[in-house]
Amino acid sequence: MLFKVFPLILLTTVSSIQRPVIDFDLVIETLKPSGTWESIGGESYAFRPVSTSPQWRPLREGRWLYTDYGWTWEGRNPGSWATDHYGTWSKKNTAGWVWIPERLWLPASVEWLQSGTYLGWRPSKLDRFSNLLESETDRRSDPSEWNFVPLTKIKDALKPEDFADNATTETLLKNAVPVDHVYVAYREIPRPGPSQDLLKSESGEVSQPPVIRELQDPLRPPEKTGPGDFYVYRPTFHQDNDGLMRRVHLFLNPRAQKENEGKIKETVGDRRSEAEKRKDMRKIEDALEQERKKMESLYR
């Protein structure tokens, strides 16, 4: 009897600790309704979200949680699991914010600052040790890249009215200092961002940080969760960083689109029957699909 129960327990445990492995195509499909991809030079691409507000900026719609990985961002948008944890957001040399994907998952790719009673963060390019890879001049030159809120607001889901405006942010930046802390577990662990003490209850207690567990499907929450669990969808990609860009190139596929347009123009104005035209169009579509599969096999 014990032998029959053991495999079930083992499978349940593995599902919460093993990261799923996927193609970057899933990210492309997830983001398709909410923006477009564009070239940013060479063979690199970035995703530009559709936004009606000129005040929009990333890492505002959601909340901060303190987990066993430190400060972890939980966004409310459908694609936040990807855009807010892989690569970084940037508006340097572009007309507004774009997301540049990379393979490495981070709980939050941001720089933290404190200015008086305000706490601020900015999307920033980091290495896997959370070291900043941009110069201080680049990081602090544009107030519209920063999000500042009163320290007391960091406990809750963030609202638009919680954020300082650009004029206030510019003043806060002048007196801002980097903020980090040391988390004590089995050893002292330096981490970016403010101390977990910000989350103290009224009685002065700080709860144990929840442990990140692996969600196997972004649309399927776990059936059971423990009080110390925080489920996150953070897959590993089959592709390396260059491979991510090749997947975007395949999605855009400008060469095949151009050839398809030319072939369609050749059929316009002729006197063939509709059935013949549909047959020819199917041939063109089949040829393009074969080309796509051939290119896809080369990029794996």
Protein backbone atom coordinates (compact mmCIF):
# COMPACT_ATOMS: atom_id res chain seq x y z
CA MET A 1 0.00 0.00 0.00
CA LEU A 2 2.83 2.37 0.84
CA PHE A 3 4.42 1.64 -2.52
CA LYS A 4 1.29 2.83 -4.37
CA VAL A 5 1.10 6.14 -2.51
CA PHE A 6 4.79 7.07 -2.83
CA PRO A 7 4.88 7.77 -6.61
CA LEU A 8 1.96 10.19 -6.27
CA ILE A 9 3.77 12.17 -3.57
CA LEU A 10 6.96 12.20 -5.62
CA LEU A 11 5.22 13.54 -8.74
CA THR A 12 3.52 16.27 -6.74
CA THR A 13 6.86 17.35 -5.29
CA VAL A 14 8.65 17.35 -8.63
CA SER A 15 5.96 19.51 -10.28
CA SER A 16 6.61 22.30 -7.77
CA ILE A 17 10.41 22.35 -8.07
CA GLN A 18 11.07 21.58 -11.73
CA ARG A 19 11.04 24.53 -14.11
CA PRO A 20 9.17 23.92 -17.38
CA VAL A 21 11.14 24.19 -20.64
CA ILE A 22 9.45 25.98 -23.56
CA ASP A 23 10.05 27.66 -26.91
CA PHE A 24 10.12 31.45 -26.96
CA ASP A 25 7.17 31.21 -29.36
CA LEU A 26 4.87 31.04 -26.34
CA VAL A 27 6.00 34.51 -25.26
CA ILE A 28 5.47 35.84 -28.79
CA GLU A 29 1.94 34.42 -28.90
CA THR A 30 1.12 35.73 -25.43
CA LEU A 31 2.20 39.28 -26.34
CA LYS A 32 0.66 39.32 -29.82
CA PRO A 33 -2.62 41.05 -28.77
CA SER A 34 -0.89 43.75 -26.73
CA GLY A 35 1.83 45.20 -28.96
CA THR A 36 4.30 44.82 -31.81
CA TRP A 37 7.91 43.78 -32.38
CA GLU A 38 10.41 46.10 -34.01
CA SER A 39 14.07 46.02 -35.00
CA ILE A 40 16.49 47.90 -32.73
CA GLY A 41 19.55 47.36 -34.89
CA GLY A 42 21.38 44.38 -36.33
CA GLU A 43 19.56 41.16 -35.57
CA SER A 44 18.01 42.42 -32.34
CA TYR A 45 14.32 43.04 -31.71
CA ALA A 46 12.26 44.66 -28.99
CA PHE A 47 8.59 44.49 -28.06
CA ARG A 48 6.60 47.75 -27.96
CA PRO A 49 3.33 47.60 -25.99
CA VAL A 50 0.24 49.40 -27.22
CA SER A 51 -0.58 52.13 -24.72
CA THR A 52 -2.99 55.03 -24.95
CA SER A 53 -1.41 56.92 -22.05
CA PRO A 54 1.81 58.92 -22.53
CA GLN A 55 2.41 58.51 -18.79
CA TRP A 56 2.59 54.71 -19.04
CA ARG A 57 5.72 53.07 -17.75
CA PRO A 58 6.55 49.48 -16.79
CA LEU A 59 6.53 47.96 -13.30
CA ARG A 60 3.65 50.05 -12.01
CA GLU A 61 0.66 47.75 -12.43
CA GLY A 62 1.17 45.17 -9.72
CA ARG A 63 2.79 44.79 -6.32
CA TRP A 64 6.04 43.93 -4.59
CA LEU A 65 6.40 40.72 -2.57
CA TYR A 66 9.36 39.65 -0.48
CA THR A 67 10.17 36.01 -1.28
CA ASP A 68 13.11 33.69 -0.69
CA TYR A 69 14.62 35.39 -3.78
CA GLY A 70 14.24 38.88 -2.27
CA TRP A 71 11.97 41.59 -3.68
CA THR A 72 9.88 39.96 -6.40
CA TRP A 73 7.57 41.82 -8.74
CA GLU A 74 4.08 40.45 -9.39
CA GLY A 75 2.52 42.20 -12.39
CA ARG A 76 -1.15 42.22 -13.33
CA ASN A 77 -0.78 42.06 -17.14
CA PRO A 78 -1.12 38.68 -18.93
CA GLY A 79 2.46 38.85 -20.22
CA SER A 80 4.03 40.14 -17.00
CA TRP A 81 5.47 36.72 -16.19
CA ALA A 82 7.78 37.26 -19.20
CA THR A 83 8.24 40.99 -19.74
CA ASP A 84 8.89 41.86 -16.09
CA HIS A 85 11.37 39.05 -15.35
CA TYR A 86 13.35 38.20 -18.51
CA GLY A 87 15.58 40.90 -20.00
CA THR A 88 14.66 44.50 -19.29
CA TRP A 89 12.54 47.47 -20.24
CA SER A 90 14.30 50.44 -21.86
CA LYS A 91 13.50 53.75 -23.52
CA LYS A 92 17.06 54.66 -24.50
CA ASN A 93 17.33 55.58 -28.19
CA THR A 94 13.71 54.56 -28.81
CA ALA A 95 10.40 56.41 -29.04
CA GLY A 96 9.00 55.23 -25.71
CA TRP A 97 9.31 52.05 -23.68
CA VAL A 98 10.28 48.74 -25.28
CA TRP A 99 11.03 45.34 -23.80
CA ILE A 100 14.27 43.59 -24.79
CA PRO A 101 14.07 39.89 -23.91
CA GLU A 102 16.87 37.73 -22.55
CA ARG A 103 17.02 34.17 -21.28
CA LEU A 104 17.87 34.84 -17.62
CA TRP A 105 15.00 35.03 -15.10
CA LEU A 106 15.28 37.57 -12.28
CA PRO A 107 12.77 38.36 -9.51
CA ALA A 108 12.99 42.01 -10.59
CA SER A 109 15.40 43.64 -13.03
CA VAL A 110 15.46 47.04 -11.32
CA GLU A 111 17.66 49.54 -9.50
CA TRP A 112 16.46 50.70 -6.06
CA LEU A 113 16.86 54.19 -4.57
CA GLN A 114 15.59 55.84 -1.40
CA SER A 115 14.99 59.56 -1.04
CA GLY A 116 13.67 60.67 2.34
CA THR A 117 10.38 58.87 2.96
CA TYR A 118 10.12 57.75 -0.70
CA LEU A 119 11.27 54.52 -2.29
CA GLY A 120 12.03 54.37 -6.01
CA TRP A 121 12.80 51.75 -8.64
CA ARG A 122 13.73 51.84 -12.31
CA PRO A 123 13.91 49.06 -14.92
CA SER A 124 17.65 48.44 -15.31
CA LYS A 125 19.86 45.95 -17.07
CA LEU A 126 21.42 43.57 -14.52
CA ASP A 127 23.70 40.57 -14.65
CA ARG A 128 22.80 37.33 -12.89
CA PHE A 129 24.30 38.65 -9.65
CA SER A 130 22.05 41.76 -9.79
CA ASN A 131 24.97 44.06 -10.61
CA LEU A 132 24.00 47.20 -12.57
CA LEU A 133 25.34 47.28 -16.14
CA GLU A 134 24.54 50.91 -17.03
CA SER A 135 26.37 54.07 -16.01
CA GLU A 136 24.95 56.25 -13.23
CA THR A 137 24.52 59.11 -15.71
CA ASP A 138 22.32 56.99 -17.95
CA ARG A 139 20.34 55.62 -15.03
CA ARG A 140 19.46 58.97 -13.45
CA SER A 141 19.18 61.31 -16.42
CA ASP A 142 15.45 60.82 -17.08
CA PRO A 143 12.93 61.18 -14.19
CA SER A 144 10.21 59.60 -16.34
CA GLU A 145 12.06 56.27 -16.09
CA TRP A 146 11.62 56.13 -12.31
CA ASN A 147 8.77 55.03 -10.05
CA PHE A 148 8.71 56.65 -6.60
CA VAL A 149 6.13 55.89 -3.91
CA PRO A 150 5.96 56.61 -0.17
CA LEU A 151 7.62 53.86 1.85
CA THR A 152 4.28 52.96 3.45
CA LYS A 153 2.80 52.01 0.06
CA ILE A 154 5.24 49.20 -0.66
CA LYS A 155 3.15 46.74 1.38
CA ASP A 156 0.10 46.91 -0.86
CA ALA A 157 -1.01 46.57 -4.46
CA LEU A 158 0.06 49.81 -6.15
CA LYS A 159 -2.42 52.37 -7.47
CA PRO A 160 -1.82 55.22 -9.98
CA GLU A 161 -2.27 57.84 -7.27
CA ASP A 162 0.52 56.29 -5.18
CA PHE A 163 3.25 57.45 -7.59
CA ALA A 164 5.10 60.76 -7.50
CA ASP A 165 4.78 62.91 -10.62
CA ASN A 166 7.77 63.74 -12.83
CA ALA A 167 8.49 67.08 -11.16
CA THR A 168 8.52 65.51 -7.69
CA THR A 169 10.56 62.57 -8.99
CA GLU A 170 13.19 64.93 -10.40
CA THR A 171 13.58 66.52 -6.95
CA LEU A 172 13.70 63.13 -5.22
CA LEU A 173 16.45 61.93 -7.55
CA LYS A 174 18.76 64.77 -6.51
CA ASN A 175 18.87 63.46 -2.93
CA ALA A 176 18.43 59.74 -3.61
CA VAL A 177 20.85 57.10 -2.38
CA PRO A 178 21.20 53.43 -3.35
CA VAL A 179 19.35 51.09 -1.03
CA ASP A 180 20.15 47.45 -0.33
CA HIS A 181 20.12 45.13 2.66
CA VAL A 182 21.49 41.91 4.08
CA TYR A 183 19.13 38.99 4.49
CA VAL A 184 20.17 36.51 7.17
CA ALA A 185 19.33 32.86 6.52
CA TYR A 186 21.91 30.09 6.84
CA ARG A 187 24.38 32.88 5.99
CA GLU A 188 24.33 36.61 5.31
CA ILE A 189 22.98 37.29 1.80
CA PRO A 190 23.34 40.81 0.32
CA ARG A 191 20.26 41.77 -1.69
CA PRO A 192 19.10 44.85 -3.62
CA GLY A 193 16.23 46.92 -2.30
CA PRO A 194 15.05 47.95 1.17
CA SER A 195 15.09 45.72 4.21
CA GLN A 196 12.25 43.28 4.75
CA ASP A 197 11.54 45.27 7.94
CA LEU A 198 9.30 47.50 5.81
CA LEU A 199 6.76 44.68 5.92
CA LYS A 200 6.54 44.50 9.70
CA SER A 201 3.08 44.04 11.13
CA GLU A 202 1.61 46.39 13.75
CA SER A 203 3.00 44.07 16.42
CA GLY A 204 6.49 44.42 14.91
CA GLU A 205 6.69 40.93 13.46
CA VAL A 206 8.06 40.03 10.03
CA SER A 207 6.70 36.85 8.49
CA GLN A 208 8.96 34.24 6.90
CA PRO A 209 9.39 34.96 3.15
CA PRO A 210 7.30 32.64 0.96
CA VAL A 211 9.22 30.11 -1.10
CA ILE A 212 8.97 30.38 -4.88
CA ARG A 213 7.43 27.26 -6.39
CA GLU A 214 7.28 26.40 -10.07
CA LEU A 215 3.98 26.91 -11.87
CA GLN A 216 3.81 24.56 -14.85
CA ASP A 217 1.22 26.54 -16.82
CA PRO A 218 0.65 30.34 -16.64
CA LEU A 219 -3.12 29.87 -16.95
CA ARG A 220 -3.49 26.95 -14.54
CA PRO A 221 -3.04 27.78 -10.85
CA PRO A 222 -1.99 24.97 -8.48
CA GLU A 223 -4.74 22.95 -6.84
CA LYS A 224 -3.22 23.32 -3.38
CA THR A 225 -0.89 25.92 -1.95
CA GLY A 226 0.78 26.09 1.41
CA PRO A 227 0.99 29.26 3.54
CA GLY A 228 4.68 29.59 2.70
CA ASP A 229 4.37 29.00 -1.06
CA PHE A 230 4.40 31.52 -3.91
CA TYR A 231 3.84 29.97 -7.32
CA VAL A 232 5.55 31.62 -10.28
CA TYR A 233 5.65 30.71 -13.95
CA ARG A 234 9.32 31.11 -14.87
CA PRO A 235 10.16 28.63 -17.64
CA THR A 236 13.56 27.97 -19.13
CA PHE A 237 13.77 28.57 -22.89
CA HIS A 238 15.13 26.05 -25.37
CA GLN A 239 16.90 28.94 -27.13
CA ASP A 240 19.87 31.04 -26.02
CA ASN A 241 19.71 34.85 -26.29
CA ASP A 242 20.51 34.77 -30.01
CA GLY A 243 17.88 32.09 -30.44
CA LEU A 244 15.23 34.30 -28.84
CA MET A 245 15.88 36.94 -31.47
CA ARG A 246 15.77 34.37 -34.26
CA ARG A 247 12.33 33.27 -33.08
CA VAL A 248 11.12 36.86 -33.33
CA HIS A 249 12.68 37.11 -36.80
CA LEU A 250 10.80 33.97 -37.82
CA PHE A 251 7.58 35.43 -36.46
CA LEU A 252 8.01 38.64 -38.44
CA ASN A 253 9.44 36.75 -41.47
CA PRO A 254 9.69 39.86 -43.69
CA ARG A 255 11.27 38.00 -46.62
CA ALA A 256 8.46 35.47 -46.89
CA GLN A 257 5.85 38.23 -46.52
CA LYS A 258 7.45 40.22 -49.35
CA GLU A 259 7.58 37.18 -51.65
CA ASN A 260 3.98 36.36 -50.80
CA GLU A 261 2.85 39.89 -51.66
CA GLY A 262 4.57 39.65 -55.06
CA LYS A 263 2.96 36.34 -55.87
CA ILE A 264 -0.48 37.61 -54.90
CA LYS A 265 -0.08 40.66 -57.15
CA GLU A 266 0.63 38.37 -60.12
CA THR A 267 -2.79 36.73 -59.70
CA VAL A 268 -4.76 39.98 -59.54
CA GLY A 269 -6.78 40.86 -62.63
CA ASP A 270 -6.64 37.46 -64.35
CA ARG A 271 -9.72 35.56 -65.53
CA ARG A 272 -9.26 32.28 -63.72
CA SER A 273 -12.13 30.76 -61.79
CA GLU A 274 -12.35 31.32 -58.05
CA ALA A 275 -11.61 27.63 -57.49
CA GLU A 276 -8.37 27.90 -59.48
CA LYS A 277 -7.35 31.02 -57.60
CA ARG A 278 -7.95 29.33 -54.24
CA LYS A 279 -5.95 26.32 -55.39
CA ASP A 280 -3.02 28.56 -56.36
CA MET A 281 -3.23 30.42 -53.06
CA ARG A 282 -3.08 27.11 -51.18
CA LYS A 283 0.07 26.22 -53.09
CA ILE A 284 1.64 29.54 -52.12
CA GLU A 285 0.66 29.05 -48.46
CA ASP A 286 2.02 25.50 -48.45
CA ALA A 287 5.30 26.69 -49.95
CA LEU A 288 5.61 29.42 -47.33
CA GLU A 289 4.85 26.96 -44.54
CA GLN A 290 7.56 24.61 -45.82
CA GLU A 291 10.02 27.51 -45.92
CA ARG A 292 9.06 28.52 -42.40
CA LYS A 293 9.60 24.97 -41.11
CA LYS A 294 12.96 24.78 -42.89
CA MET A 295 14.12 28.05 -41.31
CA GLU A 296 12.75 26.97 -37.94
CA SER A 297 14.76 23.74 -38.05
CA LEU A 298 17.93 25.75 -38.72
CA TYR A 299 17.30 28.02 -35.74
CA ARG A 300 16.69 25.30 -33.16
